[in-house]
């Protein structure tokens, strides 16, 4: 197992900067996920670690060794790509063995490693097939097997599940988690899917426009997002966010005016609020139905989504605003029904005008 350290890593294309002074310490054996929307720089950052993109500035340390100038073959890492990158004219066995043959590894060692990896990934019956004869999930297992046989110090995954259907993504996500638990290898995983990030990661790095928004354990990011960007990105469905105004920050009870209603917040926030204009965030599961006189929000139910294990309702609360509410899964609610809901202080999040967390 190997630790990886990124120190002030930058990437520029001419005058265009796409990665800005990234600092990350990846512990030995850690499963770190880079997550963010398309174009945020997560794949570029991963390719810089792999040696497939030149580092414009900063230091990349793998296992205590600065590797900025080293080619990919000398970094002792293995990468699994989004498009599998299998050789179509080779069998599964030959694809998995190819990298070892290029390194001059003995046939005996190659056979042992290929057999072991195939057994781990349950693809032994597929070893003599060509990639064209495999399903998407099987191809991804082969790509993972090709990485495993190298016995690298670290694994890099670049959106490996994005080409699979929903059921296969769940299955392969479990396989990747089991593989990491078994091998305990340092892993850096890129995805735009925050569900993958939440379920796989020891820690998550949320990227936005080439900068780090927040680093932390999945539930830390979920319960205490450092910014409005993280709050909206982490969680499915996304957090409800509404413009609000703060009053009563003179040492008394702070109050919010939001969607035409006043909400009392017992937490003293006057020292943190620099402006009266804030954004209130509250997750769907932190809203509960209540009598009209206790409601924070009132509106008509526009859409109901029954997912089996959960039921979500989308409530129109005026000014073209939609509020997502989680209901009991067997709740008898119907479109057009008048809905009254309230939250609680513990489940509210406040963000200032710059989008940074206040409370």
Protein backbone atom coordinates (compact mmCIF):
# COMPACT_ATOMS: atom_id res chain seq x y z
CA UNK A 1 0.00 0.00 0.00
CA UNK A 2 1.21 3.48 -0.87
CA UNK A 3 0.37 7.02 0.20
CA UNK A 4 -0.08 9.70 -2.46
CA UNK A 5 0.41 13.42 -1.85
CA UNK A 6 -0.55 16.28 -4.14
CA UNK A 7 1.07 19.62 -3.33
CA UNK A 8 -0.14 22.78 -5.10
CA UNK A 9 -0.86 20.78 -8.26
CA UNK A 10 -1.75 22.98 -11.24
CA UNK A 11 -2.69 22.34 -14.84
CA UNK A 12 -2.73 24.93 -17.59
CA UNK A 13 -3.30 24.77 -21.32
CA UNK A 14 -1.53 27.87 -22.57
CA UNK A 15 -3.10 30.75 -20.66
CA UNK A 16 -6.11 28.65 -19.58
CA UNK A 17 -5.85 27.30 -16.02
CA UNK A 18 -8.03 24.24 -15.38
CA UNK A 19 -6.57 22.89 -12.10
CA UNK A 20 -5.78 25.40 -9.35
CA UNK A 21 -3.31 24.59 -6.54
CA UNK A 22 -4.77 21.25 -5.45
CA UNK A 23 -3.57 19.92 -2.08
CA UNK A 24 -4.62 16.38 -1.10
CA UNK A 25 -3.04 13.77 1.18
CA UNK A 26 -4.24 10.27 0.26
CA UNK A 27 -3.48 7.78 2.98
CA UNK A 28 -2.07 4.34 2.32
CA UNK A 29 -4.97 1.95 1.67
CA UNK A 30 -7.54 4.74 1.47
CA UNK A 31 -10.41 4.80 -1.03
CA UNK A 32 -10.60 8.42 -2.14
CA UNK A 33 -13.29 9.59 -4.56
CA UNK A 34 -13.00 12.70 -6.73
CA UNK A 35 -16.48 13.93 -7.51
CA UNK A 36 -17.99 16.92 -9.26
CA UNK A 37 -19.94 17.96 -12.34
CA UNK A 38 -18.70 17.48 -15.90
CA UNK A 39 -15.80 19.78 -16.67
CA UNK A 40 -14.72 20.33 -13.05
CA UNK A 41 -11.26 18.82 -13.68
CA UNK A 42 -11.56 15.50 -11.85
CA UNK A 43 -10.47 13.29 -14.78
CA UNK A 44 -7.66 15.69 -15.66
CA UNK A 45 -6.41 15.48 -12.08
CA UNK A 46 -6.54 11.68 -12.15
CA UNK A 47 -4.65 11.58 -15.46
CA UNK A 48 -1.98 13.78 -13.93
CA UNK A 49 -1.55 11.26 -11.12
CA UNK A 50 -1.36 8.48 -13.73
CA UNK A 51 1.22 10.36 -15.79
CA UNK A 52 -1.05 10.69 -18.82
CA UNK A 53 -1.21 14.48 -18.43
CA UNK A 54 1.79 16.70 -17.78
CA UNK A 55 1.78 18.54 -14.45
CA UNK A 56 2.09 22.29 -15.02
CA UNK A 57 3.06 23.07 -11.43
CA UNK A 58 3.31 21.59 -7.95
CA UNK A 59 4.62 18.28 -6.65
CA UNK A 60 3.16 14.78 -6.96
CA UNK A 61 4.54 12.31 -4.42
CA UNK A 62 3.76 8.58 -4.67
CA UNK A 63 5.13 6.37 -1.93
CA UNK A 64 7.55 9.04 -0.73
CA UNK A 65 8.98 9.66 -4.21
CA UNK A 66 8.43 12.71 -6.40
CA UNK A 67 7.16 11.34 -9.71
CA UNK A 68 6.40 14.49 -11.73
CA UNK A 69 8.90 13.54 -14.43
CA UNK A 70 8.32 9.77 -14.37
CA UNK A 71 6.43 8.05 -17.23
CA UNK A 72 3.27 6.09 -16.34
CA UNK A 73 5.07 2.73 -16.54
CA UNK A 74 7.40 3.72 -13.70
CA UNK A 75 4.78 5.00 -11.24
CA UNK A 76 3.63 1.54 -10.05
CA UNK A 77 -0.04 2.34 -10.53
CA UNK A 78 -2.81 0.72 -12.58
CA UNK A 79 -5.67 2.57 -14.24
CA UNK A 80 -9.15 1.36 -15.17
CA UNK A 81 -10.72 3.45 -17.92
CA UNK A 82 -14.31 4.41 -18.69
CA UNK A 83 -14.23 2.67 -22.09
CA UNK A 84 -12.45 -0.51 -20.83
CA UNK A 85 -9.59 -0.10 -23.39
CA UNK A 86 -9.45 -3.84 -24.20
CA UNK A 87 -7.67 -5.21 -27.27
CA UNK A 88 -10.46 -6.64 -29.47
CA UNK A 89 -8.23 -9.21 -31.20
CA UNK A 90 -7.03 -10.74 -27.92
CA UNK A 91 -8.79 -13.16 -25.60
CA UNK A 92 -9.63 -12.20 -22.04
CA UNK A 93 -6.61 -14.14 -20.84
CA UNK A 94 -4.32 -12.36 -23.32
CA UNK A 95 -5.74 -8.95 -22.40
CA UNK A 96 -5.10 -9.54 -18.74
CA UNK A 97 -1.60 -10.89 -19.36
CA UNK A 98 -0.47 -8.29 -21.91
CA UNK A 99 1.00 -5.75 -19.48
CA UNK A 100 2.94 -8.43 -17.62
CA UNK A 101 4.34 -9.85 -20.86
CA UNK A 102 5.55 -6.40 -21.89
CA UNK A 103 7.41 -6.25 -18.58
CA UNK A 104 9.09 -9.58 -19.22
CA UNK A 105 7.29 -11.44 -16.44
CA UNK A 106 7.67 -15.21 -16.57
CA UNK A 107 4.85 -17.32 -18.02
CA UNK A 108 4.42 -19.14 -14.71
CA UNK A 109 3.91 -15.91 -12.75
CA UNK A 110 1.58 -14.58 -15.45
CA UNK A 111 -0.58 -17.71 -15.34
CA UNK A 112 -0.74 -17.60 -11.55
CA UNK A 113 -1.74 -13.93 -11.42
CA UNK A 114 -4.29 -14.19 -14.23
CA UNK A 115 -5.89 -17.25 -12.62
CA UNK A 116 -6.00 -15.53 -9.22
CA UNK A 117 -7.53 -12.33 -10.61
CA UNK A 118 -10.05 -14.25 -12.70
CA UNK A 119 -11.11 -16.19 -9.62
CA UNK A 120 -11.51 -13.00 -7.56
CA UNK A 121 -13.66 -11.39 -10.29
CA UNK A 122 -15.52 -14.61 -11.19
CA UNK A 123 -14.53 -14.48 -14.86
CA UNK A 124 -12.62 -17.77 -15.11
CA UNK A 125 -15.15 -19.23 -17.61
CA UNK A 126 -14.58 -16.18 -19.85
CA UNK A 127 -10.80 -16.39 -20.20
CA UNK A 128 -10.85 -17.74 -23.77
CA UNK A 129 -13.49 -15.32 -25.09
CA UNK A 130 -12.89 -12.12 -27.04
CA UNK A 131 -14.17 -8.74 -25.76
CA UNK A 132 -16.89 -8.67 -28.45
CA UNK A 133 -18.39 -11.79 -26.87
CA UNK A 134 -18.75 -10.13 -23.45
CA UNK A 135 -21.39 -7.93 -21.86
CA UNK A 136 -20.51 -4.46 -20.57
CA UNK A 137 -20.23 -5.69 -17.01
CA UNK A 138 -17.99 -8.57 -18.06
CA UNK A 139 -15.72 -6.22 -20.00
CA UNK A 140 -15.39 -4.01 -16.97
CA UNK A 141 -14.41 -7.02 -14.85
CA UNK A 142 -11.73 -7.87 -17.42
CA UNK A 143 -10.42 -4.30 -17.30
CA UNK A 144 -10.27 -4.55 -13.52
CA UNK A 145 -8.55 -7.93 -13.79
CA UNK A 146 -5.90 -6.47 -16.07
CA UNK A 147 -5.17 -3.89 -13.37
CA UNK A 148 -5.16 -6.44 -10.53
CA UNK A 149 -2.60 -8.77 -12.13
CA UNK A 150 -0.02 -6.00 -12.07
CA UNK A 151 -0.25 -5.91 -8.26
CA UNK A 152 0.28 -2.13 -8.26
CA UNK A 153 0.75 0.10 -5.25
CA UNK A 154 -2.35 2.11 -6.20
CA UNK A 155 -5.44 1.81 -8.41
CA UNK A 156 -6.94 4.67 -10.42
CA UNK A 157 -10.53 4.44 -11.71
CA UNK A 158 -11.82 6.95 -14.27
CA UNK A 159 -15.65 6.79 -14.25
CA UNK A 160 -15.56 3.00 -14.75
CA UNK A 161 -19.32 2.46 -14.40
CA UNK A 162 -20.69 5.27 -16.56
CA UNK A 163 -21.24 3.02 -19.60
CA UNK A 164 -23.29 0.44 -17.67
CA UNK A 165 -27.04 0.32 -17.10
CA UNK A 166 -28.48 1.05 -13.65
CA UNK A 167 -28.62 -2.55 -12.42
CA UNK A 168 -25.07 -3.31 -13.58
CA UNK A 169 -23.76 -0.12 -11.99
CA UNK A 170 -25.08 -1.28 -8.61
CA UNK A 171 -23.61 -4.76 -9.10
CA UNK A 172 -20.19 -3.46 -10.18
CA UNK A 173 -20.17 -0.88 -7.40
CA UNK A 174 -20.49 -3.72 -4.91
CA UNK A 175 -17.74 -5.66 -6.67
CA UNK A 176 -15.38 -2.67 -6.51
CA UNK A 177 -16.14 -2.21 -2.81
CA UNK A 178 -15.51 -5.91 -2.11
CA UNK A 179 -12.30 -5.80 -4.15
CA UNK A 180 -11.00 -2.86 -2.14
CA UNK A 181 -11.91 -4.50 1.17
CA UNK A 182 -10.03 -7.59 0.06
CA UNK A 183 -6.90 -5.94 -1.37
CA UNK A 184 -6.71 -2.80 0.80
CA UNK A 185 -4.88 -0.98 -2.00
CA UNK A 186 -4.77 2.78 -2.23
CA UNK A 187 -7.53 3.77 -4.65
CA UNK A 188 -8.42 7.04 -6.37
CA UNK A 189 -11.81 6.91 -8.05
CA UNK A 190 -13.37 9.54 -10.32
CA UNK A 191 -17.13 9.83 -10.81
CA UNK A 192 -19.80 12.44 -11.48
CA UNK A 193 -22.31 10.20 -9.66
CA UNK A 194 -22.58 11.32 -6.04
CA UNK A 195 -24.33 8.04 -5.07
CA UNK A 196 -21.18 6.15 -6.14
CA UNK A 197 -19.11 8.62 -4.16
CA UNK A 198 -21.22 8.30 -1.01
CA UNK A 199 -21.30 4.48 -1.05
CA UNK A 200 -17.67 3.75 -2.00
CA UNK A 201 -15.51 6.45 -0.45
CA UNK A 202 -13.56 6.61 2.77
CA UNK A 203 -13.28 10.31 1.92
CA UNK A 204 -14.69 12.46 -0.87
CA UNK A 205 -13.07 15.41 -2.62
CA UNK A 206 -15.70 17.69 -4.16
CA UNK A 207 -14.27 19.64 -7.09
CA UNK A 208 -15.74 22.70 -8.74
CA UNK A 209 -14.10 24.48 -11.69
CA UNK A 210 -10.69 23.00 -10.89
CA UNK A 211 -10.77 23.89 -7.19
CA UNK A 212 -11.53 21.90 -4.04
CA UNK A 213 -14.85 22.84 -2.45
CA UNK A 214 -14.60 20.38 0.44
CA UNK A 215 -12.80 17.21 1.55
CA UNK A 216 -14.32 14.88 4.11
CA UNK A 217 -16.05 11.63 4.95
CA UNK A 218 -19.31 11.05 3.06
CA UNK A 219 -21.62 11.77 5.99
CA UNK A 220 -19.60 14.85 6.97
CA UNK A 221 -20.25 16.33 3.54
CA UNK A 222 -23.90 15.31 3.71
CA UNK A 223 -24.64 16.72 7.17
CA UNK A 224 -22.29 19.73 7.15
CA UNK A 225 -21.66 20.91 3.58
CA UNK A 226 -19.09 23.70 3.59
CA UNK A 227 -20.73 25.54 0.70
CA UNK A 228 -23.94 25.88 -1.23
CA UNK A 229 -22.28 24.03 -4.12
CA UNK A 230 -21.56 20.97 -1.95
CA UNK A 231 -25.02 21.13 -0.38
CA UNK A 232 -26.68 20.99 -3.78
CA UNK A 233 -24.33 18.38 -5.22
CA UNK A 234 -24.21 15.84 -2.39
CA UNK A 235 -27.49 14.08 -1.69
CA UNK A 236 -30.24 12.57 -3.83
CA UNK A 237 -32.71 14.19 -4.11
CA UNK A 238 -30.75 17.40 -3.75
CA UNK A 239 -31.09 19.70 -0.76
CA UNK A 240 -33.86 22.29 -0.92
CA UNK A 241 -32.31 25.77 -1.08
CA UNK A 242 -34.33 28.97 -0.73
CA UNK A 243 -33.41 32.66 -0.54
CA UNK A 244 -34.08 34.15 2.91
CA UNK A 245 -33.53 37.25 5.00
CA UNK A 246 -32.19 37.27 8.56
CA UNK A 247 -33.70 39.51 11.24
CA UNK A 248 -33.25 39.76 15.00
CA UNK A 249 -29.48 39.27 15.07
CA UNK A 250 -28.99 41.73 17.93
CA UNK A 251 -28.51 39.05 20.54
CA UNK A 252 -32.11 37.91 20.64
CA UNK A 253 -33.78 35.08 18.79
CA UNK A 254 -32.69 35.03 15.16
CA UNK A 255 -35.49 34.76 12.63
CA UNK A 256 -35.61 34.01 8.94
CA UNK A 257 -38.11 35.31 6.47
CA UNK A 258 -38.46 32.77 3.68
CA UNK A 259 -41.24 32.19 1.15
CA UNK A 260 -43.37 34.76 2.93
CA UNK A 261 -43.12 33.08 6.35
CA UNK A 262 -41.05 33.86 9.43
CA UNK A 263 -39.06 31.00 10.98
CA UNK A 264 -37.57 31.19 14.46
CA UNK A 265 -34.05 29.77 14.75
CA UNK A 266 -32.84 29.37 18.34
CA UNK A 267 -29.15 29.25 17.40
CA UNK A 268 -27.36 32.60 17.97
CA UNK A 269 -26.01 33.40 14.52
CA UNK A 270 -25.56 37.16 14.73
CA UNK A 271 -21.78 36.94 14.97
CA UNK A 272 -21.57 34.86 11.79
CA UNK A 273 -24.05 36.66 9.55
CA UNK A 274 -22.40 39.49 7.64
CA UNK A 275 -25.45 40.23 5.51
CA UNK A 276 -29.20 39.94 5.95
CA UNK A 277 -29.47 38.03 2.67
CA UNK A 278 -28.77 34.32 3.09
CA UNK A 279 -29.78 30.98 1.61
CA UNK A 280 -31.67 28.45 3.70
CA UNK A 281 -30.96 24.79 2.99
CA UNK A 282 -33.01 21.87 4.24
CA UNK A 283 -33.03 18.26 3.06
CA UNK A 284 -36.26 16.50 2.03
CA UNK A 285 -36.11 14.08 4.99
CA UNK A 286 -35.85 16.97 7.47
CA UNK A 287 -39.30 18.29 6.53
CA UNK A 288 -42.41 16.84 8.24
CA UNK A 289 -46.11 17.51 7.84
CA UNK A 290 -47.68 19.71 10.50
CA UNK A 291 -50.78 21.79 11.30
CA UNK A 292 -51.13 24.93 9.14
CA UNK A 293 -50.36 27.29 12.03
CA UNK A 294 -46.97 25.58 12.61
CA UNK A 295 -45.94 25.41 8.97
CA UNK A 296 -42.72 26.81 7.58
CA UNK A 297 -43.93 26.12 4.06
CA UNK A 298 -47.37 25.62 2.54
CA UNK A 299 -48.16 24.67 -1.03
CA UNK A 300 -49.93 22.35 -3.43
CA UNK A 301 -48.53 18.91 -4.20
CA UNK A 302 -47.51 18.96 -7.88
CA UNK A 303 -45.80 15.56 -8.38
CA UNK A 304 -45.55 12.32 -6.38
CA UNK A 305 -42.65 9.88 -6.88
CA UNK A 306 -43.09 6.44 -5.32
CA UNK A 307 -39.78 4.59 -5.37
CA UNK A 308 -40.86 1.60 -3.28
CA UNK A 309 -38.60 2.21 -0.30
CA UNK A 310 -39.28 5.96 -0.30
CA UNK A 311 -41.91 8.42 -1.45
CA UNK A 312 -41.09 11.97 -2.51
CA UNK A 313 -43.51 14.80 -3.10
CA UNK A 314 -42.78 18.03 -4.96
CA UNK A 315 -44.69 20.94 -3.44
CA UNK A 316 -45.22 24.26 -5.22
CA UNK A 317 -44.74 27.01 -2.63
CA UNK A 318 -45.10 30.05 -4.86
CA UNK A 319 -42.80 32.19 -7.00
CA UNK A 320 -42.21 29.15 -9.24
CA UNK A 321 -40.42 27.41 -6.37
CA UNK A 322 -40.64 23.68 -5.80
CA UNK A 323 -39.95 22.05 -2.45
CA UNK A 324 -38.96 18.37 -2.26
CA UNK A 325 -40.42 16.53 0.75
CA UNK A 326 -39.82 12.93 1.82
CA UNK A 327 -43.01 11.23 2.99
CA UNK A 328 -43.52 7.82 4.62
CA UNK A 329 -43.37 5.29 1.79
CA UNK A 330 -47.04 4.29 2.17
CA UNK A 331 -48.27 7.86 2.64
CA UNK A 332 -51.66 8.49 1.08
CA UNK A 333 -51.00 11.74 -0.72
CA UNK A 334 -52.34 12.91 -4.04
CA UNK A 335 -51.52 15.57 -6.60
CA UNK A 336 -53.27 18.87 -5.87
CA UNK A 337 -53.44 18.26 -2.11
CA UNK A 338 -52.58 21.18 0.16
CA UNK A 339 -49.41 20.36 2.09
CA UNK A 340 -48.08 22.02 5.26
CA UNK A 341 -44.54 21.16 6.39
CA UNK A 342 -41.99 22.36 8.91
CA UNK A 343 -38.34 21.66 9.62
CA UNK A 344 -36.20 21.85 12.73
CA UNK A 345 -33.17 23.88 13.72
CA UNK A 346 -30.86 20.85 13.65
CA UNK A 347 -31.77 20.12 10.05
CA UNK A 348 -31.35 23.63 8.69
CA UNK A 349 -28.29 24.97 6.89
CA UNK A 350 -27.51 28.64 6.29
CA UNK A 351 -25.21 29.98 3.58
CA UNK A 352 -24.05 33.55 3.12
CA UNK A 353 -24.14 35.61 -0.06
CA UNK A 354 -20.86 34.06 -1.26
CA UNK A 355 -22.27 30.54 -0.85
CA UNK A 356 -20.22 29.60 2.23
CA UNK A 357 -21.73 27.88 5.25
CA UNK A 358 -22.73 30.10 8.18
CA UNK A 359 -24.11 27.82 10.91
